[in-house]
Amino acid sequence: MTTETPHWFTSSYSGNGGQCVEVATNLAPTHGTVPVRDSKNPAGPALTLPAPAFTAFLAGVKDGGFGGR
């Protein structure tokens, strides 16, 4: 595997309900991006986020800033 190829993974917090996303954080150091895709459609499109935006999103989730459980 090179850093040019996304290394997709699903969060260990995900259940097997099929409603998950996959991320490829290995591209953040070299490209400054974090691709995100639907785990049910791995051949489909990926949303590529700037690494700082993805980091801010995760911080918001962890802080409960999106009205989650």
PDB file of N, CA and C in Angstrom:
ATOM      1  N   MET A   1       0.850  -1.195   0.000  1.00  0.00           N
ATOM      2  CA  MET A   1       0.000   0.000   0.000  1.00  0.00           C
ATOM      3  C   MET A   1       0.881   1.238   0.000  1.00  0.00           C
ATOM      4  N   THR A   2       0.546   2.171  -0.830  1.00  0.00           N
ATOM      5  CA  THR A   2       1.256   3.443  -0.840  1.00  0.00           C
ATOM      6  C   THR A   2       0.348   4.506  -0.227  1.00  0.00           C
ATOM      7  N   THR A   3       0.911   5.663   0.038  1.00  0.00           N
ATOM      8  CA  THR A   3       0.101   6.737   0.594  1.00  0.00           C
ATOM      9  C   THR A   3      -0.794   7.364  -0.475  1.00  0.00           C
ATOM     10  N   GLU A   4      -0.620   6.967  -1.729  1.00  0.00           N
ATOM     11  CA  GLU A   4      -1.462   7.484  -2.804  1.00  0.00           C
ATOM     12  C   GLU A   4      -2.777   6.728  -2.913  1.00  0.00           C
ATOM     13  N   THR A   5      -2.852   5.547  -2.337  1.00  0.00           N
ATOM     14  CA  THR A   5      -4.046   4.719  -2.387  1.00  0.00           C
ATOM     15  C   THR A   5      -4.805   4.853  -1.075  1.00  0.00           C
ATOM     16  N   PRO A   6      -6.091   5.190  -1.122  1.00  0.00           N
ATOM     17  CA  PRO A   6      -6.846   5.279   0.131  1.00  0.00           C
ATOM     18  C   PRO A   6      -6.887   3.938   0.857  1.00  0.00           C
ATOM     19  N   HIS A   7      -6.628   3.954   2.146  1.00  0.00           N
ATOM     20  CA  HIS A   7      -6.747   2.775   2.994  1.00  0.00           C
ATOM     21  C   HIS A   7      -8.031   2.957   3.806  1.00  0.00           C
ATOM     22  N   TRP A   8      -9.118   2.372   3.329  1.00  0.00           N
ATOM     23  CA  TRP A   8     -10.448   2.589   3.894  1.00  0.00           C
ATOM     24  C   TRP A   8     -10.634   1.805   5.172  1.00  0.00           C
ATOM     25  N   PHE A   9     -11.304   2.429   6.147  1.00  0.00           N
ATOM     26  CA  PHE A   9     -11.700   1.707   7.343  1.00  0.00           C
ATOM     27  C   PHE A   9     -13.003   2.264   7.880  1.00  0.00           C
ATOM     28  N   THR A  10     -13.692   1.432   8.638  1.00  0.00           N
ATOM     29  CA  THR A  10     -14.941   1.803   9.295  1.00  0.00           C
ATOM     30  C   THR A  10     -14.658   1.888  10.782  1.00  0.00           C
ATOM     31  N   SER A  11     -15.261   2.820  11.452  1.00  0.00           N
ATOM     32  CA  SER A  11     -15.059   3.006  12.878  1.00  0.00           C
ATOM     33  C   SER A  11     -15.361   1.735  13.656  1.00  0.00           C
ATOM     34  N   SER A  12     -14.586   1.500  14.692  1.00  0.00           N
ATOM     35  CA  SER A  12     -14.848   0.352  15.561  1.00  0.00           C
ATOM     36  C   SER A  12     -16.139   0.549  16.353  1.00  0.00           C
ATOM     37  N   TYR A  13     -16.666   1.754  16.381  1.00  0.00           N
ATOM     38  CA  TYR A  13     -17.931   2.037  17.058  1.00  0.00           C
ATOM     39  C   TYR A  13     -19.136   1.688  16.196  1.00  0.00           C
ATOM     40  N   SER A  14     -18.900   1.389  14.930  1.00  0.00           N
ATOM     41  CA  SER A  14     -19.991   1.064  14.016  1.00  0.00           C
ATOM     42  C   SER A  14     -20.521  -0.336  14.309  1.00  0.00           C
ATOM     43  N   GLY A  15     -21.830  -0.471  14.258  1.00  0.00           N
ATOM     44  CA  GLY A  15     -22.434  -1.784  14.376  1.00  0.00           C
ATOM     45  C   GLY A  15     -22.504  -2.420  13.007  1.00  0.00           C
ATOM     46  N   ASN A  16     -23.138  -3.527  12.910  1.00  0.00           N
ATOM     47  CA  ASN A  16     -23.287  -4.199  11.621  1.00  0.00           C
ATOM     48  C   ASN A  16     -24.625  -3.867  10.965  1.00  0.00           C
ATOM     49  N   GLY A  17     -25.162  -2.690  11.237  1.00  0.00           N
ATOM     50  CA  GLY A  17     -26.445  -2.301  10.678  1.00  0.00           C
ATOM     51  C   GLY A  17     -26.384  -1.833   9.244  1.00  0.00           C
ATOM     52  N   GLY A  18     -25.194  -1.672   8.693  1.00  0.00           N
ATOM     53  CA  GLY A  18     -25.056  -1.279   7.299  1.00  0.00           C
ATOM     54  C   GLY A  18     -25.211   0.206   7.041  1.00  0.00           C
ATOM     55  N   GLN A  19     -25.337   1.011   8.065  1.00  0.00           N
ATOM     56  CA  GLN A  19     -25.502   2.453   7.902  1.00  0.00           C
ATOM     57  C   GLN A  19     -24.206   3.163   8.297  1.00  0.00           C
ATOM     58  N   CYS A  20     -23.113   2.797   7.691  1.00  0.00           N
ATOM     59  CA  CYS A  20     -21.800   3.301   8.082  1.00  0.00           C
ATOM     60  C   CYS A  20     -21.130   4.065   6.950  1.00  0.00           C
ATOM     61  N   VAL A  21     -20.156   4.842   7.322  1.00  0.00           N
ATOM     62  CA  VAL A  21     -19.272   5.461   6.353  1.00  0.00           C
ATOM     63  C   VAL A  21     -17.878   4.910   6.579  1.00  0.00           C
ATOM     64  N   GLU A  22     -17.067   4.990   5.550  1.00  0.00           N
ATOM     65  CA  GLU A  22     -15.666   4.601   5.626  1.00  0.00           C
ATOM     66  C   GLU A  22     -14.827   5.841   5.372  1.00  0.00           C
ATOM     67  N   VAL A  23     -13.691   5.919   6.026  1.00  0.00           N
ATOM     68  CA  VAL A  23     -12.769   7.034   5.826  1.00  0.00           C
ATOM     69  C   VAL A  23     -11.389   6.499   5.491  1.00  0.00           C
ATOM     70  N   ALA A  24     -10.588   7.330   4.848  1.00  0.00           N
ATOM     71  CA  ALA A  24      -9.215   6.974   4.503  1.00  0.00           C
ATOM     72  C   ALA A  24      -8.304   8.092   5.002  1.00  0.00           C
ATOM     73  N   THR A  25      -7.906   7.994   6.257  1.00  0.00           N
ATOM     74  CA  THR A  25      -7.099   9.060   6.866  1.00  0.00           C
ATOM     75  C   THR A  25      -5.640   9.025   6.440  1.00  0.00           C
ATOM     76  N   ASN A  26      -5.217   7.974   5.757  1.00  0.00           N
ATOM     77  CA  ASN A  26      -3.809   7.884   5.365  1.00  0.00           C
ATOM     78  C   ASN A  26      -3.398   8.943   4.335  1.00  0.00           C
ATOM     79  N   LEU A  27      -4.357   9.589   3.684  1.00  0.00           N
ATOM     80  CA  LEU A  27      -4.019  10.612   2.693  1.00  0.00           C
ATOM     81  C   LEU A  27      -3.849  11.998   3.318  1.00  0.00           C
ATOM     82  N   ALA A  28      -4.217  12.162   4.577  1.00  0.00           N
ATOM     83  CA  ALA A  28      -4.122  13.470   5.231  1.00  0.00           C
ATOM     84  C   ALA A  28      -2.691  14.019   5.268  1.00  0.00           C
ATOM     85  N   PRO A  29      -1.694  13.225   5.644  1.00  0.00           N
ATOM     86  CA  PRO A  29      -0.336  13.784   5.712  1.00  0.00           C
ATOM     87  C   PRO A  29       0.240  14.227   4.362  1.00  0.00           C
ATOM     88  N   THR A  30      -0.050  13.477   3.301  1.00  0.00           N
ATOM     89  CA  THR A  30       0.552  13.787   2.004  1.00  0.00           C
ATOM     90  C   THR A  30      -0.297  14.678   1.121  1.00  0.00           C
ATOM     91  N   HIS A  31      -1.625  14.579   1.266  1.00  0.00           N
ATOM     92  CA  HIS A  31      -2.530  15.328   0.389  1.00  0.00           C
ATOM     93  C   HIS A  31      -3.360  16.377   1.123  1.00  0.00           C
ATOM     94  N   GLY A  32      -3.401  16.273   2.452  1.00  0.00           N
ATOM     95  CA  GLY A  32      -4.204  17.213   3.227  1.00  0.00           C
ATOM     96  C   GLY A  32      -5.693  16.977   3.095  1.00  0.00           C
ATOM     97  N   THR A  33      -6.074  15.762   2.694  1.00  0.00           N
ATOM     98  CA  THR A  33      -7.490  15.440   2.505  1.00  0.00           C
ATOM     99  C   THR A  33      -7.851  14.143   3.216  1.00  0.00           C
ATOM    100  N   VAL A  34      -9.157  14.004   3.504  1.00  0.00           N
ATOM    101  CA  VAL A  34      -9.697  12.775   4.086  1.00  0.00           C
ATOM    102  C   VAL A  34     -10.917  12.376   3.257  1.00  0.00           C
ATOM    103  N   PRO A  35     -10.783  11.351   2.420  1.00  0.00           N
ATOM    104  CA  PRO A  35     -11.930  10.873   1.659  1.00  0.00           C
ATOM    105  C   PRO A  35     -12.913  10.128   2.578  1.00  0.00           C
ATOM    106  N   VAL A  36     -14.197  10.271   2.294  1.00  0.00           N
ATOM    107  CA  VAL A  36     -15.269   9.608   3.034  1.00  0.00           C
ATOM    108  C   VAL A  36     -16.209   8.994   2.006  1.00  0.00           C
ATOM    109  N   ARG A  37     -16.640   7.739   2.256  1.00  0.00           N
ATOM    110  CA  ARG A  37     -17.561   7.092   1.321  1.00  0.00           C
ATOM    111  C   ARG A  37     -18.589   6.258   2.081  1.00  0.00           C
ATOM    112  N   ASP A  38     -19.656   5.907   1.388  1.00  0.00           N
ATOM    113  CA  ASP A  38     -20.721   5.069   1.921  1.00  0.00           C
ATOM    114  C   ASP A  38     -20.234   3.620   1.924  1.00  0.00           C
ATOM    115  N   SER A  39     -20.279   2.973   3.080  1.00  0.00           N
ATOM    116  CA  SER A  39     -19.788   1.598   3.163  1.00  0.00           C
ATOM    117  C   SER A  39     -20.643   0.621   2.354  1.00  0.00           C
ATOM    118  N   LYS A  40     -21.896   0.976   2.086  1.00  0.00           N
ATOM    119  CA  LYS A  40     -22.767   0.109   1.291  1.00  0.00           C
ATOM    120  C   LYS A  40     -22.472   0.212  -0.197  1.00  0.00           C
ATOM    121  N   ASN A  41     -21.747   1.243  -0.602  1.00  0.00           N
ATOM    122  CA  ASN A  41     -21.467   1.472  -2.017  1.00  0.00           C
ATOM    123  C   ASN A  41     -19.986   1.839  -2.197  1.00  0.00           C
ATOM    124  N   PRO A  42     -19.084   0.905  -1.929  1.00  0.00           N
ATOM    125  CA  PRO A  42     -17.655   1.226  -1.995  1.00  0.00           C
ATOM    126  C   PRO A  42     -17.158   1.613  -3.382  1.00  0.00           C
ATOM    127  N   ALA A  43     -17.884   1.238  -4.431  1.00  0.00           N
ATOM    128  CA  ALA A  43     -17.475   1.621  -5.778  1.00  0.00           C
ATOM    129  C   ALA A  43     -18.043   2.983  -6.171  1.00  0.00           C
ATOM    130  N   GLY A  44     -18.888   3.530  -5.320  1.00  0.00           N
ATOM    131  CA  GLY A  44     -19.511   4.817  -5.610  1.00  0.00           C
ATOM    132  C   GLY A  44     -18.584   5.984  -5.322  1.00  0.00           C
ATOM    133  N   PRO A  45     -19.128   7.179  -5.359  1.00  0.00           N
ATOM    134  CA  PRO A  45     -18.309   8.376  -5.162  1.00  0.00           C
ATOM    135  C   PRO A  45     -17.840   8.528  -3.723  1.00  0.00           C
ATOM    136  N   ALA A  46     -16.764   9.257  -3.564  1.00  0.00           N
ATOM    137  CA  ALA A  46     -16.234   9.595  -2.238  1.00  0.00           C
ATOM    138  C   ALA A  46     -16.234  11.111  -2.099  1.00  0.00           C
ATOM    139  N   LEU A  47     -16.571  11.564  -0.938  1.00  0.00           N
ATOM    140  CA  LEU A  47     -16.505  12.981  -0.603  1.00  0.00           C
ATOM    141  C   LEU A  47     -15.116  13.236  -0.031  1.00  0.00           C
ATOM    142  N   THR A  48     -14.365  14.144  -0.622  1.00  0.00           N
ATOM    143  CA  THR A  48     -13.017  14.439  -0.154  1.00  0.00           C
ATOM    144  C   THR A  48     -13.026  15.734   0.628  1.00  0.00           C
ATOM    145  N   LEU A  49     -12.723  15.620   1.916  1.00  0.00           N
ATOM    146  CA  LEU A  49     -12.742  16.768   2.814  1.00  0.00           C
ATOM    147  C   LEU A  49     -11.331  17.251   3.112  1.00  0.00           C
ATOM    148  N   PRO A  50     -11.138  18.561   3.271  1.00  0.00           N
ATOM    149  CA  PRO A  50      -9.853  19.048   3.760  1.00  0.00           C
ATOM    150  C   PRO A  50      -9.624  18.473   5.166  1.00  0.00           C
ATOM    151  N   ALA A  51      -8.414  18.040   5.455  1.00  0.00           N
ATOM    152  CA  ALA A  51      -8.123  17.418   6.746  1.00  0.00           C
ATOM    153  C   ALA A  51      -8.545  18.290   7.937  1.00  0.00           C
ATOM    154  N   PRO A  52      -8.302  19.620   7.921  1.00  0.00           N
ATOM    155  CA  PRO A  52      -8.749  20.430   9.064  1.00  0.00           C
ATOM    156  C   PRO A  52     -10.266  20.425   9.247  1.00  0.00           C
ATOM    157  N   ALA A  53     -11.019  20.365   8.156  1.00  0.00           N
ATOM    158  CA  ALA A  53     -12.477  20.313   8.253  1.00  0.00           C
ATOM    159  C   ALA A  53     -12.926  18.987   8.858  1.00  0.00           C
ATOM    160  N   PHE A  54     -12.284  17.899   8.480  1.00  0.00           N
ATOM    161  CA  PHE A  54     -12.620  16.594   9.036  1.00  0.00           C
ATOM    162  C   PHE A  54     -12.294  16.557  10.528  1.00  0.00           C
ATOM    163  N   THR A  55     -11.161  17.114  10.900  1.00  0.00           N
ATOM    164  CA  THR A  55     -10.778  17.182  12.314  1.00  0.00           C
ATOM    165  C   THR A  55     -11.786  17.999  13.117  1.00  0.00           C
ATOM    166  N   ALA A  56     -12.229  19.122  12.568  1.00  0.00           N
ATOM    167  CA  ALA A  56     -13.221  19.961  13.247  1.00  0.00           C
ATOM    168  C   ALA A  56     -14.554  19.218  13.367  1.00  0.00           C
ATOM    169  N   PHE A  57     -14.940  18.472  12.334  1.00  0.00           N
ATOM    170  CA  PHE A  57     -16.167  17.687  12.380  1.00  0.00           C
ATOM    171  C   PHE A  57     -16.094  16.656  13.507  1.00  0.00           C
ATOM    172  N   LEU A  58     -14.979  15.922  13.588  1.00  0.00           N
ATOM    173  CA  LEU A  58     -14.833  14.926  14.649  1.00  0.00           C
ATOM    174  C   LEU A  58     -14.887  15.553  16.034  1.00  0.00           C
ATOM    175  N   ALA A  59     -14.257  16.709  16.185  1.00  0.00           N
ATOM    176  CA  ALA A  59     -14.288  17.409  17.475  1.00  0.00           C
ATOM    177  C   ALA A  59     -15.726  17.789  17.828  1.00  0.00           C
ATOM    178  N   GLY A  60     -16.497  18.241  16.853  1.00  0.00           N
ATOM    179  CA  GLY A  60     -17.891  18.580  17.093  1.00  0.00           C
ATOM    180  C   GLY A  60     -18.729  17.384  17.486  1.00  0.00           C
ATOM    181  N   VAL A  61     -18.472  16.245  16.861  1.00  0.00           N
ATOM    182  CA  VAL A  61     -19.195  15.014  17.211  1.00  0.00           C
ATOM    183  C   VAL A  61     -18.856  14.615  18.642  1.00  0.00           C
ATOM    184  N   LYS A  62     -17.582  14.624  18.968  1.00  0.00           N
ATOM    185  CA  LYS A  62     -17.146  14.218  20.313  1.00  0.00           C
ATOM    186  C   LYS A  62     -17.690  15.157  21.384  1.00  0.00           C
ATOM    187  N   ASP A  63     -17.840  16.423  21.074  1.00  0.00           N
ATOM    188  CA  ASP A  63     -18.365  17.410  22.027  1.00  0.00           C
ATOM    189  C   ASP A  63     -19.889  17.408  22.093  1.00  0.00           C
ATOM    190  N   GLY A  64     -20.547  16.621  21.247  1.00  0.00           N
ATOM    191  CA  GLY A  64     -22.001  16.593  21.242  1.00  0.00           C
ATOM    192  C   GLY A  64     -22.630  17.786  20.559  1.00  0.00           C
ATOM    193  N   GLY A  65     -21.863  18.474  19.726  1.00  0.00           N
ATOM    194  CA  GLY A  65     -22.344  19.703  19.088  1.00  0.00           C
ATOM    195  C   GLY A  65     -23.341  19.513  17.966  1.00  0.00           C
ATOM    196  N   PHE A  66     -23.689  18.268  17.641  1.00  0.00           N
ATOM    197  CA  PHE A  66     -24.634  18.030  16.554  1.00  0.00           C
ATOM    198  C   PHE A  66     -25.939  17.437  17.039  1.00  0.00           C
ATOM    199  N   GLY A  67     -26.215  17.570  18.331  1.00  0.00           N
ATOM    200  CA  GLY A  67     -27.474  17.102  18.885  1.00  0.00           C
ATOM    201  C   GLY A  67     -27.614  15.597  18.912  1.00  0.00           C
ATOM    202  N   GLY A  68     -26.494  14.895  18.937  1.00  0.00           N
ATOM    203  CA  GLY A  68     -26.535  13.424  18.975  1.00  0.00           C
ATOM    204  C   GLY A  68     -26.933  12.916  20.343  1.00  0.00           C
ATOM    205  N   ARG A  69     -26.939  11.629  20.453  1.00  0.00           N
ATOM    206  CA  ARG A  69     -27.354  10.962  21.697  1.00  0.00           C
ATOM    207  C   ARG A  69     -26.446  11.261  22.818  1.00  0.00           C
TER     208      ARG A  69
END
